[in-house]
Amino acid sequence: MSEIQSGSYAGDVDVKTAWTDLAKSAAAVLIDVRTKAEWAYVGVPVLDSIGKATIFIEWDDFATGAVVPDFAGRLKAALDQRRVERDAPLYFICRSGNRSRQAAIAATAAGHTRAFNISHGFEGRLDPQRHRASPGSWKAEGFPWVQS
């Protein structure tokens, strides 16, 4: 196997592609890397209709903004618990696609061969009025989610 270049991963995909693969591939997994605060106050993706559950692993700490230590170890533990193979498609999602890209890179460096970033994330990028839920995001495209 060739050495993984810094910054490499399987690539960016749009939310529709991720949803389709999550629905069709028994091995595909969705991993939400936002913070606990985002999960609680913004909402979370729901995969019940396709017989799956989202994995939640924070990439960074809400209070400090610092990357939470040992992401790769926490990811491995969560995937091992669910018996997910290293070649399974892993779809990482965050608010807008930035942290999830970093998580996909980290997963690739840890040996996962198919780590993808959902390019517009759960809420998308800011629009000119500084609002989210922009086109291409999980919420704006109408995929299932709940808010507590």
N, C-alpha and C. Protein backbone atom coordinates (compact mmCIF):
# COMPACT_ATOMS: atom_id res chain seq x y z
N MET A 1 0.85 -1.18 0.00
CA MET A 1 0.00 0.00 0.00
C MET A 1 0.89 1.23 0.00
N SER A 2 0.55 2.22 -0.81
CA SER A 2 1.37 3.43 -0.87
C SER A 2 1.12 4.29 0.36
N GLU A 3 2.12 5.11 0.67
CA GLU A 3 1.99 6.00 1.82
C GLU A 3 0.94 7.06 1.54
N ILE A 4 0.12 7.36 2.53
CA ILE A 4 -0.94 8.35 2.37
C ILE A 4 -0.32 9.74 2.47
N GLN A 5 -0.62 10.58 1.49
CA GLN A 5 -0.11 11.94 1.49
C GLN A 5 -0.88 12.75 2.52
N SER A 6 -0.18 13.72 3.12
CA SER A 6 -0.82 14.62 4.07
C SER A 6 -1.97 15.33 3.37
N GLY A 7 -3.13 15.31 3.98
CA GLY A 7 -4.28 15.99 3.40
C GLY A 7 -5.09 15.14 2.44
N SER A 8 -4.75 13.86 2.28
CA SER A 8 -5.52 13.04 1.34
C SER A 8 -6.65 12.32 2.05
N TYR A 9 -7.68 12.03 1.28
CA TYR A 9 -8.84 11.27 1.74
C TYR A 9 -9.62 10.91 0.48
N ALA A 10 -10.71 10.18 0.59
CA ALA A 10 -11.42 9.69 -0.59
C ALA A 10 -12.08 10.80 -1.39
N GLY A 11 -12.34 11.94 -0.76
CA GLY A 11 -12.89 13.08 -1.49
C GLY A 11 -14.16 13.63 -0.89
N ASP A 12 -14.61 14.72 -1.51
CA ASP A 12 -15.86 15.37 -1.10
C ASP A 12 -17.01 14.79 -1.90
N VAL A 13 -18.14 14.63 -1.25
CA VAL A 13 -19.36 14.20 -1.93
C VAL A 13 -20.49 15.12 -1.51
N ASP A 14 -21.49 15.24 -2.37
CA ASP A 14 -22.66 16.02 -1.97
C ASP A 14 -23.55 15.16 -1.09
N VAL A 15 -24.46 15.80 -0.40
CA VAL A 15 -25.30 15.11 0.57
C VAL A 15 -26.19 14.05 -0.10
N LYS A 16 -26.63 14.31 -1.32
CA LYS A 16 -27.48 13.34 -2.02
C LYS A 16 -26.71 12.05 -2.32
N THR A 17 -25.45 12.19 -2.73
CA THR A 17 -24.62 11.01 -2.99
C THR A 17 -24.40 10.23 -1.71
N ALA A 18 -24.10 10.94 -0.62
CA ALA A 18 -23.90 10.28 0.67
C ALA A 18 -25.16 9.53 1.09
N TRP A 19 -26.31 10.17 1.01
CA TRP A 19 -27.57 9.54 1.41
C TRP A 19 -27.84 8.29 0.58
N THR A 20 -27.64 8.39 -0.73
CA THR A 20 -27.88 7.25 -1.61
C THR A 20 -26.99 6.07 -1.22
N ASP A 21 -25.71 6.34 -0.98
CA ASP A 21 -24.82 5.24 -0.61
C ASP A 21 -25.15 4.70 0.77
N LEU A 22 -25.48 5.58 1.72
CA LEU A 22 -25.87 5.12 3.05
C LEU A 22 -27.08 4.20 2.96
N ALA A 23 -28.02 4.53 2.08
CA ALA A 23 -29.23 3.72 1.92
C ALA A 23 -28.96 2.41 1.20
N LYS A 24 -28.06 2.41 0.23
CA LYS A 24 -27.82 1.22 -0.59
C LYS A 24 -26.77 0.28 -0.02
N SER A 25 -25.75 0.82 0.62
CA SER A 25 -24.64 0.00 1.09
C SER A 25 -24.80 -0.33 2.58
N ALA A 26 -24.89 -1.61 2.87
CA ALA A 26 -25.01 -2.03 4.27
C ALA A 26 -23.79 -1.61 5.08
N ALA A 27 -22.64 -1.48 4.44
CA ALA A 27 -21.40 -1.14 5.14
C ALA A 27 -21.22 0.35 5.39
N ALA A 28 -21.91 1.20 4.64
CA ALA A 28 -21.71 2.66 4.74
C ALA A 28 -22.17 3.21 6.09
N VAL A 29 -21.38 4.17 6.61
CA VAL A 29 -21.62 4.73 7.94
C VAL A 29 -21.58 6.25 7.86
N LEU A 30 -22.46 6.91 8.63
CA LEU A 30 -22.44 8.36 8.77
C LEU A 30 -21.86 8.71 10.14
N ILE A 31 -20.87 9.61 10.13
CA ILE A 31 -20.20 10.02 11.37
C ILE A 31 -20.31 11.54 11.49
N ASP A 32 -21.02 11.99 12.51
CA ASP A 32 -21.21 13.42 12.77
C ASP A 32 -20.13 13.87 13.74
N VAL A 33 -19.28 14.81 13.30
CA VAL A 33 -18.13 15.24 14.11
C VAL A 33 -18.33 16.62 14.73
N ARG A 34 -19.57 17.10 14.75
CA ARG A 34 -19.83 18.39 15.39
C ARG A 34 -19.74 18.25 16.90
N THR A 35 -19.97 19.33 17.61
CA THR A 35 -19.87 19.31 19.08
C THR A 35 -21.18 18.86 19.72
N LYS A 36 -21.09 18.49 20.99
CA LYS A 36 -22.29 18.11 21.74
C LYS A 36 -23.31 19.24 21.73
N ALA A 37 -22.84 20.48 21.84
CA ALA A 37 -23.75 21.63 21.82
C ALA A 37 -24.50 21.70 20.48
N GLU A 38 -23.82 21.47 19.39
CA GLU A 38 -24.48 21.49 18.08
C GLU A 38 -25.50 20.37 17.97
N TRP A 39 -25.14 19.19 18.44
CA TRP A 39 -26.10 18.08 18.40
C TRP A 39 -27.35 18.43 19.19
N ALA A 40 -27.16 19.03 20.37
CA ALA A 40 -28.29 19.34 21.25
C ALA A 40 -29.14 20.50 20.75
N TYR A 41 -28.52 21.55 20.25
CA TYR A 41 -29.25 22.77 19.94
C TYR A 41 -29.55 23.00 18.46
N VAL A 42 -28.81 22.35 17.57
CA VAL A 42 -29.01 22.56 16.14
C VAL A 42 -29.77 21.39 15.52
N GLY A 43 -29.54 20.19 16.04
CA GLY A 43 -30.21 19.01 15.51
C GLY A 43 -29.22 17.98 15.02
N VAL A 44 -29.72 16.80 14.73
CA VAL A 44 -28.87 15.69 14.28
C VAL A 44 -29.52 14.97 13.11
N PRO A 45 -28.68 14.40 12.23
CA PRO A 45 -29.22 13.59 11.14
C PRO A 45 -29.86 12.32 11.69
N VAL A 46 -30.94 11.90 11.07
CA VAL A 46 -31.65 10.70 11.49
C VAL A 46 -31.65 9.71 10.32
N LEU A 47 -31.23 8.49 10.60
CA LEU A 47 -31.12 7.46 9.57
C LEU A 47 -32.10 6.30 9.79
N ASP A 48 -33.07 6.48 10.66
CA ASP A 48 -34.03 5.42 10.99
C ASP A 48 -34.70 4.84 9.75
N SER A 49 -35.05 5.69 8.80
CA SER A 49 -35.80 5.22 7.62
C SER A 49 -34.97 4.30 6.73
N ILE A 50 -33.64 4.28 6.93
CA ILE A 50 -32.80 3.36 6.16
C ILE A 50 -32.16 2.31 7.08
N GLY A 51 -32.68 2.21 8.30
CA GLY A 51 -32.25 1.16 9.21
C GLY A 51 -30.86 1.34 9.79
N LYS A 52 -30.43 2.59 9.94
CA LYS A 52 -29.09 2.86 10.47
C LYS A 52 -29.16 3.90 11.57
N ALA A 53 -28.01 4.09 12.22
CA ALA A 53 -27.89 5.13 13.24
C ALA A 53 -26.59 5.89 13.00
N THR A 54 -26.65 7.19 13.20
CA THR A 54 -25.47 8.04 13.06
C THR A 54 -24.51 7.78 14.21
N ILE A 55 -23.22 7.82 13.93
CA ILE A 55 -22.18 7.75 14.96
C ILE A 55 -21.78 9.19 15.29
N PHE A 56 -21.70 9.51 16.57
CA PHE A 56 -21.36 10.86 17.02
C PHE A 56 -20.00 10.85 17.70
N ILE A 57 -19.03 11.56 17.11
CA ILE A 57 -17.68 11.67 17.68
C ILE A 57 -17.22 13.11 17.46
N GLU A 58 -17.05 13.85 18.54
CA GLU A 58 -16.64 15.25 18.41
C GLU A 58 -15.24 15.38 17.82
N TRP A 59 -15.09 16.32 16.90
CA TRP A 59 -13.78 16.66 16.35
C TRP A 59 -13.10 17.71 17.24
N ASP A 60 -13.88 18.70 17.68
CA ASP A 60 -13.32 19.76 18.51
C ASP A 60 -14.21 20.03 19.71
N ASP A 61 -13.64 20.75 20.68
CA ASP A 61 -14.34 21.10 21.91
C ASP A 61 -15.05 22.43 21.72
N PHE A 62 -16.34 22.48 22.04
CA PHE A 62 -17.13 23.69 21.85
C PHE A 62 -16.57 24.88 22.64
N ALA A 63 -16.19 24.64 23.88
CA ALA A 63 -15.72 25.73 24.75
C ALA A 63 -14.37 26.29 24.32
N THR A 64 -13.46 25.43 23.90
CA THR A 64 -12.10 25.89 23.60
C THR A 64 -11.81 25.99 22.11
N GLY A 65 -12.55 25.26 21.30
CA GLY A 65 -12.27 25.23 19.87
C GLY A 65 -11.10 24.32 19.52
N ALA A 66 -10.46 23.74 20.52
CA ALA A 66 -9.31 22.86 20.29
C ALA A 66 -9.79 21.48 19.84
N VAL A 67 -8.98 20.86 19.00
CA VAL A 67 -9.29 19.50 18.56
C VAL A 67 -9.27 18.58 19.78
N VAL A 68 -10.30 17.73 19.90
CA VAL A 68 -10.39 16.78 20.99
C VAL A 68 -9.31 15.71 20.77
N PRO A 69 -8.54 15.37 21.81
CA PRO A 69 -7.46 14.38 21.63
C PRO A 69 -7.96 13.02 21.18
N ASP A 70 -7.09 12.33 20.45
CA ASP A 70 -7.27 10.95 20.03
C ASP A 70 -8.54 10.69 19.24
N PHE A 71 -8.77 11.52 18.24
CA PHE A 71 -9.92 11.30 17.36
C PHE A 71 -9.85 9.91 16.74
N ALA A 72 -8.67 9.54 16.23
CA ALA A 72 -8.52 8.24 15.56
C ALA A 72 -8.84 7.09 16.51
N GLY A 73 -8.43 7.18 17.75
CA GLY A 73 -8.71 6.14 18.73
C GLY A 73 -10.18 6.05 19.07
N ARG A 74 -10.84 7.20 19.21
CA ARG A 74 -12.27 7.21 19.51
C ARG A 74 -13.07 6.69 18.30
N LEU A 75 -12.61 7.05 17.10
CA LEU A 75 -13.26 6.55 15.89
C LEU A 75 -13.11 5.04 15.80
N LYS A 76 -11.90 4.54 16.03
CA LYS A 76 -11.66 3.10 15.97
C LYS A 76 -12.56 2.36 16.95
N ALA A 77 -12.67 2.87 18.17
CA ALA A 77 -13.50 2.21 19.18
C ALA A 77 -14.97 2.16 18.74
N ALA A 78 -15.47 3.27 18.20
CA ALA A 78 -16.87 3.31 17.76
C ALA A 78 -17.11 2.37 16.58
N LEU A 79 -16.18 2.34 15.65
CA LEU A 79 -16.34 1.46 14.48
C LEU A 79 -16.16 -0.01 14.85
N ASP A 80 -15.20 -0.29 15.73
CA ASP A 80 -15.01 -1.67 16.19
C ASP A 80 -16.26 -2.18 16.91
N GLN A 81 -16.87 -1.33 17.72
CA GLN A 81 -18.08 -1.72 18.45
C GLN A 81 -19.20 -2.13 17.48
N ARG A 82 -19.23 -1.49 16.32
CA ARG A 82 -20.26 -1.77 15.31
C ARG A 82 -19.76 -2.75 14.24
N ARG A 83 -18.54 -3.26 14.41
CA ARG A 83 -17.92 -4.21 13.48
C ARG A 83 -17.82 -3.66 12.05
N VAL A 84 -17.43 -2.39 11.96
CA VAL A 84 -17.26 -1.74 10.66
C VAL A 84 -15.84 -2.02 10.16
N GLU A 85 -15.74 -2.51 8.94
CA GLU A 85 -14.45 -2.84 8.33
C GLU A 85 -13.71 -1.58 7.89
N ARG A 86 -12.39 -1.70 7.74
CA ARG A 86 -11.55 -0.55 7.33
C ARG A 86 -11.84 -0.05 5.92
N ASP A 87 -12.43 -0.92 5.07
CA ASP A 87 -12.73 -0.49 3.71
C ASP A 87 -14.18 -0.04 3.53
N ALA A 88 -14.92 0.06 4.63
CA ALA A 88 -16.31 0.52 4.56
C ALA A 88 -16.35 2.01 4.21
N PRO A 89 -17.35 2.44 3.45
CA PRO A 89 -17.48 3.86 3.17
C PRO A 89 -17.87 4.62 4.44
N LEU A 90 -17.06 5.59 4.81
CA LEU A 90 -17.32 6.43 5.99
C LEU A 90 -17.64 7.83 5.49
N TYR A 91 -18.80 8.34 5.84
CA TYR A 91 -19.23 9.68 5.45
C TYR A 91 -19.20 10.58 6.68
N PHE A 92 -18.32 11.57 6.63
CA PHE A 92 -18.16 12.50 7.75
C PHE A 92 -18.95 13.77 7.47
N ILE A 93 -19.65 14.26 8.51
CA ILE A 93 -20.45 15.47 8.38
C ILE A 93 -20.19 16.38 9.57
N CYS A 94 -20.14 17.68 9.31
CA CYS A 94 -20.06 18.69 10.37
C CYS A 94 -21.04 19.79 9.99
N ARG A 95 -20.85 20.99 10.47
CA ARG A 95 -21.78 22.07 10.16
C ARG A 95 -21.71 22.45 8.67
N SER A 96 -20.48 22.67 8.17
CA SER A 96 -20.35 23.21 6.81
C SER A 96 -19.38 22.46 5.91
N GLY A 97 -18.74 21.42 6.41
CA GLY A 97 -17.82 20.63 5.59
C GLY A 97 -16.35 20.86 5.88
N ASN A 98 -16.02 21.72 6.82
CA ASN A 98 -14.61 21.99 7.12
C ASN A 98 -14.03 20.99 8.13
N ARG A 99 -14.68 20.84 9.28
CA ARG A 99 -14.18 19.88 10.27
C ARG A 99 -14.30 18.45 9.77
N SER A 100 -15.36 18.17 9.05
CA SER A 100 -15.54 16.80 8.55
C SER A 100 -14.47 16.45 7.52
N ARG A 101 -13.98 17.42 6.79
CA ARG A 101 -12.86 17.18 5.87
C ARG A 101 -11.63 16.77 6.68
N GLN A 102 -11.35 17.49 7.76
CA GLN A 102 -10.21 17.15 8.61
C GLN A 102 -10.38 15.76 9.23
N ALA A 103 -11.60 15.42 9.62
CA ALA A 103 -11.88 14.10 10.18
C ALA A 103 -11.66 13.01 9.13
N ALA A 104 -12.07 13.26 7.89
CA ALA A 104 -11.86 12.29 6.80
C ALA A 104 -10.37 12.09 6.55
N ILE A 105 -9.61 13.16 6.61
CA ILE A 105 -8.16 13.07 6.45
C ILE A 105 -7.56 12.23 7.58
N ALA A 106 -7.99 12.49 8.81
CA ALA A 106 -7.49 11.74 9.97
C ALA A 106 -7.86 10.26 9.86
N ALA A 107 -9.07 9.97 9.42
CA ALA A 107 -9.51 8.57 9.27
C ALA A 107 -8.68 7.87 8.20
N THR A 108 -8.38 8.56 7.12
CA THR A 108 -7.55 7.99 6.06
C THR A 108 -6.15 7.70 6.59
N ALA A 109 -5.60 8.64 7.33
CA ALA A 109 -4.26 8.44 7.92
C ALA A 109 -4.26 7.26 8.88
N ALA A 110 -5.43 6.98 9.49
CA ALA A 110 -5.55 5.86 10.43
C ALA A 110 -5.83 4.53 9.71
N GLY A 111 -5.88 4.55 8.37
CA GLY A 111 -6.02 3.30 7.64
C GLY A 111 -7.36 3.03 7.00
N HIS A 112 -8.30 3.95 7.12
CA HIS A 112 -9.61 3.76 6.47
C HIS A 112 -9.49 4.21 5.03
N THR A 113 -9.84 3.33 4.10
CA THR A 113 -9.56 3.58 2.69
C THR A 113 -10.65 4.37 1.97
N ARG A 114 -11.82 4.51 2.58
CA ARG A 114 -12.94 5.18 1.90
C ARG A 114 -13.60 6.19 2.84
N ALA A 115 -12.84 7.20 3.25
CA ALA A 115 -13.34 8.25 4.14
C ALA A 115 -13.71 9.47 3.30
N PHE A 116 -14.98 9.83 3.31
CA PHE A 116 -15.51 10.92 2.49
C PHE A 116 -15.96 12.08 3.37
N ASN A 117 -15.90 13.27 2.83
CA ASN A 117 -16.41 14.48 3.47
C ASN A 117 -17.70 14.88 2.77
N ILE A 118 -18.76 15.13 3.54
CA ILE A 118 -19.99 15.66 2.96
C ILE A 118 -19.79 17.17 2.83
N SER A 119 -19.65 17.62 1.60
CA SER A 119 -19.09 18.93 1.30
C SER A 119 -19.83 20.13 1.88
N HIS A 120 -21.14 20.10 2.01
CA HIS A 120 -21.85 21.26 2.55
C HIS A 120 -22.37 21.02 3.97
N GLY A 121 -22.05 19.87 4.52
CA GLY A 121 -22.36 19.59 5.91
C GLY A 121 -23.84 19.56 6.26
N PHE A 122 -24.09 19.71 7.54
CA PHE A 122 -25.44 19.63 8.09
C PHE A 122 -26.23 20.90 7.83
N GLU A 123 -25.58 22.06 7.97
CA GLU A 123 -26.26 23.35 7.79
C GLU A 123 -25.79 24.16 6.60
N GLY A 124 -24.60 23.89 6.11
CA GLY A 124 -24.08 24.64 4.99
C GLY A 124 -23.30 25.88 5.41
N ARG A 125 -22.89 26.60 4.40
CA ARG A 125 -22.10 27.81 4.64
C ARG A 125 -23.01 29.00 4.88
N LEU A 126 -22.43 30.07 5.38
CA LEU A 126 -23.21 31.29 5.61
C LEU A 126 -23.63 31.92 4.29
N ASP A 127 -24.88 32.38 4.24
CA ASP A 127 -25.33 33.13 3.07
C ASP A 127 -25.04 34.61 3.29
N PRO A 128 -25.36 35.48 2.34
CA PRO A 128 -25.05 36.91 2.51
C PRO A 128 -25.70 37.55 3.75
N GLN A 129 -26.80 36.98 4.22
CA GLN A 129 -27.45 37.49 5.43
C GLN A 129 -26.90 36.83 6.71
N ARG A 130 -25.86 36.02 6.54
CA ARG A 130 -25.21 35.30 7.63
C ARG A 130 -26.13 34.27 8.27
N HIS A 131 -26.93 33.61 7.44
CA HIS A 131 -27.79 32.50 7.86
C HIS A 131 -27.26 31.22 7.24
N ARG A 132 -27.54 30.12 7.89
CA ARG A 132 -27.14 28.81 7.36
C ARG A 132 -28.34 28.11 6.76
N ALA A 133 -28.26 26.79 6.62
CA ALA A 133 -29.27 25.97 5.93
C ALA A 133 -29.26 26.32 4.45
N SER A 134 -28.05 26.47 3.93
CA SER A 134 -27.87 26.82 2.52
C SER A 134 -28.03 25.58 1.63
N PRO A 135 -28.34 25.81 0.35
CA PRO A 135 -28.51 24.69 -0.58
C PRO A 135 -27.30 23.76 -0.55
N GLY A 136 -27.58 22.48 -0.61
CA GLY A 136 -26.53 21.47 -0.58
C GLY A 136 -26.31 20.87 0.79
N SER A 137 -26.85 21.51 1.83
CA SER A 137 -26.67 20.99 3.19
C SER A 137 -27.75 19.96 3.51
N TRP A 138 -27.47 19.15 4.53
CA TRP A 138 -28.40 18.09 4.96
C TRP A 138 -29.79 18.67 5.21
N LYS A 139 -29.84 19.75 6.02
CA LYS A 139 -31.13 20.35 6.37
C LYS A 139 -31.83 20.94 5.14
N ALA A 140 -31.11 21.73 4.37
CA ALA A 140 -31.73 22.43 3.24
C ALA A 140 -32.22 21.46 2.16
N GLU A 141 -31.57 20.32 2.04
CA GLU A 141 -31.97 19.34 1.01
C GLU A 141 -33.09 18.43 1.51
N GLY A 142 -33.51 18.62 2.76
CA GLY A 142 -34.68 17.91 3.26
C GLY A 142 -34.45 16.50 3.76
N PHE A 143 -33.21 16.17 4.10
CA PHE A 143 -32.95 14.85 4.65
C PHE A 143 -33.39 14.81 6.11
N PRO A 144 -33.74 13.62 6.63
CA PRO A 144 -34.32 13.54 7.97
C PRO A 144 -33.37 14.02 9.08
N TRP A 145 -33.94 14.77 10.02
CA TRP A 145 -33.18 15.24 11.18
C TRP A 145 -34.15 15.58 12.29
N VAL A 146 -33.64 15.63 13.51
CA VAL A 146 -34.43 16.03 14.67
C VAL A 146 -33.62 17.02 15.49
N GLN A 147 -34.38 17.78 16.27
CA GLN A 147 -33.76 18.75 17.18
C GLN A 147 -34.35 18.53 18.55
N SER A 148 -33.49 18.62 19.59
CA SER A 148 -34.00 18.38 20.94
C SER A 148 -34.60 19.63 21.53
